[in-house]
Amino acid sequence: MSKRSNAPIFWALFGAGGMLSALFGPVLVLITGVLVPLGWLLPRELMSYPRMLAFAQHWAGKGLLFALIALFAWHAAHRIFHSLHDVGIRTGVLSKLACYGGALAITLAAAAWLLAIGF
């Protein structure tokens, strides 16, 4: 009897995070890092604290923020773990724990912070 692998779970999280980071990452950087701060095409009030708080307190905003943060973290963890071999670091249980444990910690922290700001 062969041992079952948990690799498909990590590959699924990696794939979902990769798709989101490819589609939304550049747009988020453009909007939050260039357009709104410089006032080009979008008003500066668009990302004011009260508006962003209201967005984060709405159930749909919470879900979107959680999905983006968690899947970006899992994508990065998987990419870093598999890139360790390329830079000459031997991968083992400790590196797997550090990479995926870090993604889990980020996911749990995001959930806790999003729940702490209320609905």
N, C-alpha and C. Protein backbone atom coordinates (compact mmCIF):
# COMPACT_ATOMS: atom_id res chain seq x y z
N MET A 1 0.85 -1.17 0.00
CA MET A 1 0.00 0.00 0.00
C MET A 1 0.90 1.24 0.00
N SER A 2 0.62 2.16 -0.90
CA SER A 2 1.46 3.35 -1.00
C SER A 2 0.96 4.45 -0.04
N LYS A 3 1.90 5.29 0.35
CA LYS A 3 1.59 6.39 1.26
C LYS A 3 0.92 7.52 0.47
N ARG A 4 -0.17 8.04 1.00
CA ARG A 4 -0.87 9.14 0.34
C ARG A 4 -0.09 10.43 0.51
N SER A 5 -0.09 11.25 -0.53
CA SER A 5 0.66 12.50 -0.53
C SER A 5 -0.27 13.68 -0.25
N ASN A 6 0.28 14.69 0.43
CA ASN A 6 -0.47 15.93 0.63
C ASN A 6 -0.07 16.98 -0.40
N ALA A 7 0.76 16.60 -1.36
CA ALA A 7 1.24 17.54 -2.38
C ALA A 7 0.11 18.17 -3.21
N PRO A 8 -0.95 17.45 -3.57
CA PRO A 8 -2.01 18.09 -4.36
C PRO A 8 -2.66 19.29 -3.66
N ILE A 9 -2.73 19.25 -2.34
CA ILE A 9 -3.30 20.39 -1.61
C ILE A 9 -2.41 21.61 -1.80
N PHE A 10 -1.11 21.45 -1.64
CA PHE A 10 -0.19 22.58 -1.79
C PHE A 10 -0.14 23.06 -3.24
N TRP A 11 -0.20 22.15 -4.19
CA TRP A 11 -0.20 22.54 -5.60
C TRP A 11 -1.47 23.31 -5.95
N ALA A 12 -2.61 22.92 -5.37
CA ALA A 12 -3.86 23.64 -5.62
C ALA A 12 -3.79 25.06 -5.05
N LEU A 13 -3.28 25.20 -3.82
CA LEU A 13 -3.13 26.53 -3.23
C LEU A 13 -2.14 27.36 -4.02
N PHE A 14 -1.05 26.73 -4.48
CA PHE A 14 -0.05 27.41 -5.29
C PHE A 14 -0.67 27.89 -6.60
N GLY A 15 -1.43 27.03 -7.25
CA GLY A 15 -2.04 27.39 -8.53
C GLY A 15 -3.06 28.51 -8.39
N ALA A 16 -3.90 28.42 -7.37
CA ALA A 16 -4.91 29.46 -7.15
C ALA A 16 -4.24 30.79 -6.81
N GLY A 17 -3.23 30.73 -5.95
CA GLY A 17 -2.50 31.96 -5.59
C GLY A 17 -1.74 32.53 -6.76
N GLY A 18 -1.19 31.66 -7.60
CA GLY A 18 -0.47 32.13 -8.78
C GLY A 18 -1.39 32.82 -9.76
N MET A 19 -2.59 32.26 -9.96
CA MET A 19 -3.55 32.87 -10.86
C MET A 19 -3.98 34.24 -10.33
N LEU A 20 -4.30 34.30 -9.02
CA LEU A 20 -4.70 35.58 -8.44
C LEU A 20 -3.57 36.61 -8.48
N SER A 21 -2.36 36.17 -8.18
CA SER A 21 -1.25 37.12 -8.18
C SER A 21 -0.93 37.61 -9.59
N ALA A 22 -1.13 36.76 -10.59
CA ALA A 22 -0.89 37.20 -11.97
C ALA A 22 -1.97 38.15 -12.46
N LEU A 23 -3.21 37.89 -12.07
CA LEU A 23 -4.31 38.73 -12.54
C LEU A 23 -4.49 40.01 -11.73
N PHE A 24 -4.41 39.90 -10.41
CA PHE A 24 -4.71 41.04 -9.55
C PHE A 24 -3.49 41.76 -8.99
N GLY A 25 -2.36 41.08 -8.86
CA GLY A 25 -1.17 41.70 -8.28
C GLY A 25 -0.74 42.99 -8.96
N PRO A 26 -0.50 42.95 -10.28
CA PRO A 26 -0.07 44.19 -10.95
C PRO A 26 -1.10 45.31 -10.86
N VAL A 27 -2.38 44.96 -10.95
CA VAL A 27 -3.43 45.98 -10.86
C VAL A 27 -3.48 46.59 -9.46
N LEU A 28 -3.34 45.75 -8.44
CA LEU A 28 -3.32 46.28 -7.07
C LEU A 28 -2.14 47.21 -6.84
N VAL A 29 -0.97 46.84 -7.36
CA VAL A 29 0.20 47.70 -7.24
C VAL A 29 -0.02 49.01 -7.98
N LEU A 30 -0.57 48.93 -9.18
CA LEU A 30 -0.82 50.14 -9.97
C LEU A 30 -1.81 51.07 -9.26
N ILE A 31 -2.91 50.51 -8.76
CA ILE A 31 -3.93 51.34 -8.12
C ILE A 31 -3.45 51.90 -6.79
N THR A 32 -2.93 51.02 -5.92
CA THR A 32 -2.56 51.47 -4.57
C THR A 32 -1.20 52.16 -4.51
N GLY A 33 -0.34 51.90 -5.48
CA GLY A 33 0.99 52.47 -5.43
C GLY A 33 1.23 53.65 -6.35
N VAL A 34 0.38 53.80 -7.39
CA VAL A 34 0.62 54.88 -8.36
C VAL A 34 -0.61 55.75 -8.56
N LEU A 35 -1.71 55.16 -9.03
CA LEU A 35 -2.86 55.96 -9.45
C LEU A 35 -3.50 56.75 -8.32
N VAL A 36 -3.83 56.09 -7.21
CA VAL A 36 -4.49 56.80 -6.10
C VAL A 36 -3.55 57.78 -5.40
N PRO A 37 -2.32 57.37 -5.04
CA PRO A 37 -1.44 58.35 -4.36
C PRO A 37 -1.13 59.59 -5.20
N LEU A 38 -1.03 59.43 -6.51
CA LEU A 38 -0.74 60.58 -7.37
C LEU A 38 -2.00 61.28 -7.86
N GLY A 39 -3.15 60.70 -7.60
CA GLY A 39 -4.41 61.31 -8.02
C GLY A 39 -4.68 61.19 -9.51
N TRP A 40 -4.06 60.22 -10.17
CA TRP A 40 -4.27 60.03 -11.61
C TRP A 40 -5.44 59.09 -11.83
N LEU A 41 -6.41 59.50 -12.61
CA LEU A 41 -7.56 58.69 -13.00
C LEU A 41 -8.49 58.31 -11.85
N LEU A 42 -7.99 58.24 -10.66
CA LEU A 42 -8.79 57.86 -9.50
C LEU A 42 -8.61 58.90 -8.40
N PRO A 43 -9.70 59.29 -7.72
CA PRO A 43 -9.57 60.29 -6.65
C PRO A 43 -8.85 59.72 -5.43
N ARG A 44 -8.15 60.59 -4.73
CA ARG A 44 -7.42 60.15 -3.54
C ARG A 44 -8.35 59.65 -2.44
N GLU A 45 -9.58 60.17 -2.39
CA GLU A 45 -10.53 59.75 -1.37
C GLU A 45 -10.97 58.31 -1.56
N LEU A 46 -10.70 57.74 -2.73
CA LEU A 46 -11.11 56.37 -3.02
C LEU A 46 -10.55 55.39 -1.99
N MET A 47 -9.33 55.64 -1.53
CA MET A 47 -8.70 54.73 -0.57
C MET A 47 -8.53 55.38 0.80
N SER A 48 -9.49 56.23 1.17
CA SER A 48 -9.44 56.85 2.49
C SER A 48 -9.69 55.77 3.54
N TYR A 49 -9.27 56.05 4.76
CA TYR A 49 -9.42 55.08 5.83
C TYR A 49 -10.87 54.66 6.05
N PRO A 50 -11.83 55.61 6.13
CA PRO A 50 -13.22 55.17 6.34
C PRO A 50 -13.74 54.26 5.22
N ARG A 51 -13.38 54.55 3.98
CA ARG A 51 -13.83 53.70 2.88
C ARG A 51 -13.20 52.32 2.94
N MET A 52 -11.91 52.26 3.22
CA MET A 52 -11.24 50.97 3.28
C MET A 52 -11.73 50.15 4.47
N LEU A 53 -12.02 50.82 5.59
CA LEU A 53 -12.57 50.12 6.75
C LEU A 53 -13.95 49.56 6.44
N ALA A 54 -14.77 50.36 5.77
CA ALA A 54 -16.11 49.89 5.40
C ALA A 54 -16.01 48.70 4.44
N PHE A 55 -15.06 48.75 3.51
CA PHE A 55 -14.86 47.63 2.59
C PHE A 55 -14.43 46.38 3.35
N ALA A 56 -13.51 46.53 4.27
CA ALA A 56 -13.00 45.38 5.04
C ALA A 56 -14.03 44.85 6.03
N GLN A 57 -15.00 45.66 6.41
CA GLN A 57 -16.02 45.19 7.35
C GLN A 57 -17.19 44.51 6.65
N HIS A 58 -17.33 44.71 5.37
CA HIS A 58 -18.40 44.05 4.61
C HIS A 58 -18.00 42.60 4.36
N TRP A 59 -18.97 41.68 4.37
CA TRP A 59 -18.66 40.25 4.23
C TRP A 59 -17.96 39.96 2.90
N ALA A 60 -18.36 40.63 1.83
CA ALA A 60 -17.73 40.37 0.53
C ALA A 60 -16.29 40.91 0.51
N GLY A 61 -16.10 42.07 1.11
CA GLY A 61 -14.75 42.65 1.19
C GLY A 61 -13.83 41.78 2.03
N LYS A 62 -14.37 41.30 3.16
CA LYS A 62 -13.58 40.38 4.02
C LYS A 62 -13.17 39.14 3.25
N GLY A 63 -14.11 38.57 2.52
CA GLY A 63 -13.80 37.36 1.75
C GLY A 63 -12.76 37.60 0.68
N LEU A 64 -12.88 38.72 -0.03
CA LEU A 64 -11.90 39.05 -1.06
C LEU A 64 -10.52 39.28 -0.46
N LEU A 65 -10.47 40.07 0.61
CA LEU A 65 -9.18 40.34 1.25
C LEU A 65 -8.55 39.06 1.78
N PHE A 66 -9.36 38.22 2.41
CA PHE A 66 -8.84 36.97 2.95
C PHE A 66 -8.30 36.08 1.84
N ALA A 67 -9.06 35.95 0.77
CA ALA A 67 -8.62 35.11 -0.35
C ALA A 67 -7.33 35.63 -0.96
N LEU A 68 -7.23 36.93 -1.16
CA LEU A 68 -6.01 37.49 -1.75
C LEU A 68 -4.81 37.29 -0.84
N ILE A 69 -4.96 37.62 0.44
CA ILE A 69 -3.84 37.50 1.37
C ILE A 69 -3.41 36.04 1.53
N ALA A 70 -4.37 35.17 1.79
CA ALA A 70 -4.05 33.76 2.03
C ALA A 70 -3.46 33.09 0.79
N LEU A 71 -4.09 33.28 -0.35
CA LEU A 71 -3.59 32.60 -1.55
C LEU A 71 -2.27 33.18 -2.04
N PHE A 72 -2.07 34.49 -1.89
CA PHE A 72 -0.76 35.07 -2.21
C PHE A 72 0.32 34.45 -1.31
N ALA A 73 0.00 34.29 -0.03
CA ALA A 73 0.97 33.72 0.92
C ALA A 73 1.29 32.27 0.58
N TRP A 74 0.28 31.45 0.27
CA TRP A 74 0.52 30.05 -0.08
C TRP A 74 1.29 29.93 -1.39
N HIS A 75 0.99 30.80 -2.34
CA HIS A 75 1.73 30.79 -3.60
C HIS A 75 3.21 31.11 -3.35
N ALA A 76 3.45 32.15 -2.56
CA ALA A 76 4.82 32.53 -2.26
C ALA A 76 5.55 31.43 -1.49
N ALA A 77 4.89 30.81 -0.53
CA ALA A 77 5.53 29.75 0.25
C ALA A 77 5.93 28.58 -0.64
N HIS A 78 5.04 28.19 -1.53
CA HIS A 78 5.35 27.06 -2.42
C HIS A 78 6.47 27.42 -3.39
N ARG A 79 6.44 28.65 -3.91
CA ARG A 79 7.48 29.10 -4.84
C ARG A 79 8.83 29.16 -4.12
N ILE A 80 8.85 29.68 -2.91
CA ILE A 80 10.10 29.76 -2.14
C ILE A 80 10.62 28.37 -1.82
N PHE A 81 9.74 27.48 -1.38
CA PHE A 81 10.17 26.13 -1.02
C PHE A 81 10.82 25.43 -2.21
N HIS A 82 10.21 25.53 -3.38
CA HIS A 82 10.78 24.85 -4.54
C HIS A 82 11.96 25.60 -5.14
N SER A 83 12.15 26.86 -4.79
CA SER A 83 13.31 27.62 -5.26
C SER A 83 14.54 27.42 -4.38
N LEU A 84 14.36 26.87 -3.19
CA LEU A 84 15.50 26.64 -2.30
C LEU A 84 16.53 25.72 -2.95
N HIS A 85 16.06 24.74 -3.68
CA HIS A 85 16.96 23.81 -4.38
C HIS A 85 17.82 24.56 -5.40
N ASP A 86 17.23 25.55 -6.07
CA ASP A 86 17.95 26.30 -7.10
C ASP A 86 19.09 27.13 -6.52
N VAL A 87 18.97 27.55 -5.28
CA VAL A 87 20.03 28.36 -4.66
C VAL A 87 20.96 27.52 -3.80
N GLY A 88 20.81 26.20 -3.87
CA GLY A 88 21.75 25.31 -3.19
C GLY A 88 21.40 24.95 -1.77
N ILE A 89 20.17 25.21 -1.34
CA ILE A 89 19.75 24.86 0.01
C ILE A 89 18.99 23.54 -0.07
N ARG A 90 19.41 22.59 0.72
CA ARG A 90 18.77 21.28 0.73
C ARG A 90 17.42 21.38 1.43
N THR A 91 16.40 20.90 0.76
CA THR A 91 15.07 20.98 1.35
C THR A 91 14.79 19.74 2.20
N GLY A 92 14.15 19.98 3.28
CA GLY A 92 13.79 18.91 4.20
C GLY A 92 12.58 19.32 5.00
N VAL A 93 12.38 18.64 6.09
CA VAL A 93 11.22 18.91 6.92
C VAL A 93 11.26 20.32 7.50
N LEU A 94 12.45 20.79 7.90
CA LEU A 94 12.57 22.12 8.49
C LEU A 94 12.22 23.22 7.50
N SER A 95 12.72 23.10 6.28
CA SER A 95 12.40 24.13 5.28
C SER A 95 10.94 24.08 4.88
N LYS A 96 10.37 22.88 4.80
CA LYS A 96 8.94 22.75 4.50
C LYS A 96 8.11 23.36 5.61
N LEU A 97 8.50 23.10 6.85
CA LEU A 97 7.79 23.67 7.99
C LEU A 97 7.89 25.19 8.01
N ALA A 98 9.07 25.71 7.70
CA ALA A 98 9.25 27.16 7.69
C ALA A 98 8.41 27.82 6.60
N CYS A 99 8.44 27.26 5.39
CA CYS A 99 7.70 27.86 4.28
C CYS A 99 6.19 27.74 4.48
N TYR A 100 5.72 26.53 4.64
CA TYR A 100 4.27 26.32 4.74
C TYR A 100 3.73 26.74 6.10
N GLY A 101 4.55 26.65 7.14
CA GLY A 101 4.14 27.16 8.44
C GLY A 101 3.98 28.68 8.42
N GLY A 102 4.88 29.35 7.68
CA GLY A 102 4.76 30.80 7.53
C GLY A 102 3.48 31.18 6.80
N ALA A 103 3.15 30.43 5.75
CA ALA A 103 1.91 30.70 5.01
C ALA A 103 0.69 30.45 5.88
N LEU A 104 0.75 29.40 6.68
CA LEU A 104 -0.35 29.11 7.60
C LEU A 104 -0.49 30.22 8.64
N ALA A 105 0.64 30.70 9.15
CA ALA A 105 0.60 31.79 10.15
C ALA A 105 0.01 33.06 9.53
N ILE A 106 0.38 33.38 8.31
CA ILE A 106 -0.16 34.56 7.63
C ILE A 106 -1.66 34.39 7.41
N THR A 107 -2.08 33.20 7.00
CA THR A 107 -3.50 32.92 6.77
C THR A 107 -4.30 33.08 8.05
N LEU A 108 -3.80 32.50 9.14
CA LEU A 108 -4.51 32.60 10.43
C LEU A 108 -4.52 34.04 10.95
N ALA A 109 -3.42 34.76 10.77
CA ALA A 109 -3.36 36.15 11.21
C ALA A 109 -4.34 37.01 10.40
N ALA A 110 -4.42 36.77 9.10
CA ALA A 110 -5.36 37.52 8.27
C ALA A 110 -6.80 37.26 8.71
N ALA A 111 -7.11 35.99 8.98
CA ALA A 111 -8.46 35.66 9.44
C ALA A 111 -8.76 36.34 10.78
N ALA A 112 -7.81 36.29 11.69
CA ALA A 112 -8.01 36.90 13.02
C ALA A 112 -8.19 38.42 12.90
N TRP A 113 -7.36 39.08 12.11
CA TRP A 113 -7.47 40.54 11.97
C TRP A 113 -8.75 40.93 11.27
N LEU A 114 -9.14 40.19 10.24
CA LEU A 114 -10.39 40.52 9.54
C LEU A 114 -11.60 40.31 10.44
N LEU A 115 -11.57 39.29 11.27
CA LEU A 115 -12.66 39.07 12.21
C LEU A 115 -12.66 40.11 13.34
N ALA A 116 -11.46 40.57 13.71
CA ALA A 116 -11.35 41.55 14.81
C ALA A 116 -11.91 42.91 14.45
N ILE A 117 -11.93 43.26 13.18
CA ILE A 117 -12.46 44.59 12.81
C ILE A 117 -13.97 44.61 12.74
N GLY A 118 -14.59 43.46 12.89
CA GLY A 118 -16.06 43.40 12.95
C GLY A 118 -16.72 43.42 11.59
N PHE A 119 -18.05 43.38 11.66
CA PHE A 119 -18.86 43.37 10.44
C PHE A 119 -19.68 44.63 10.33
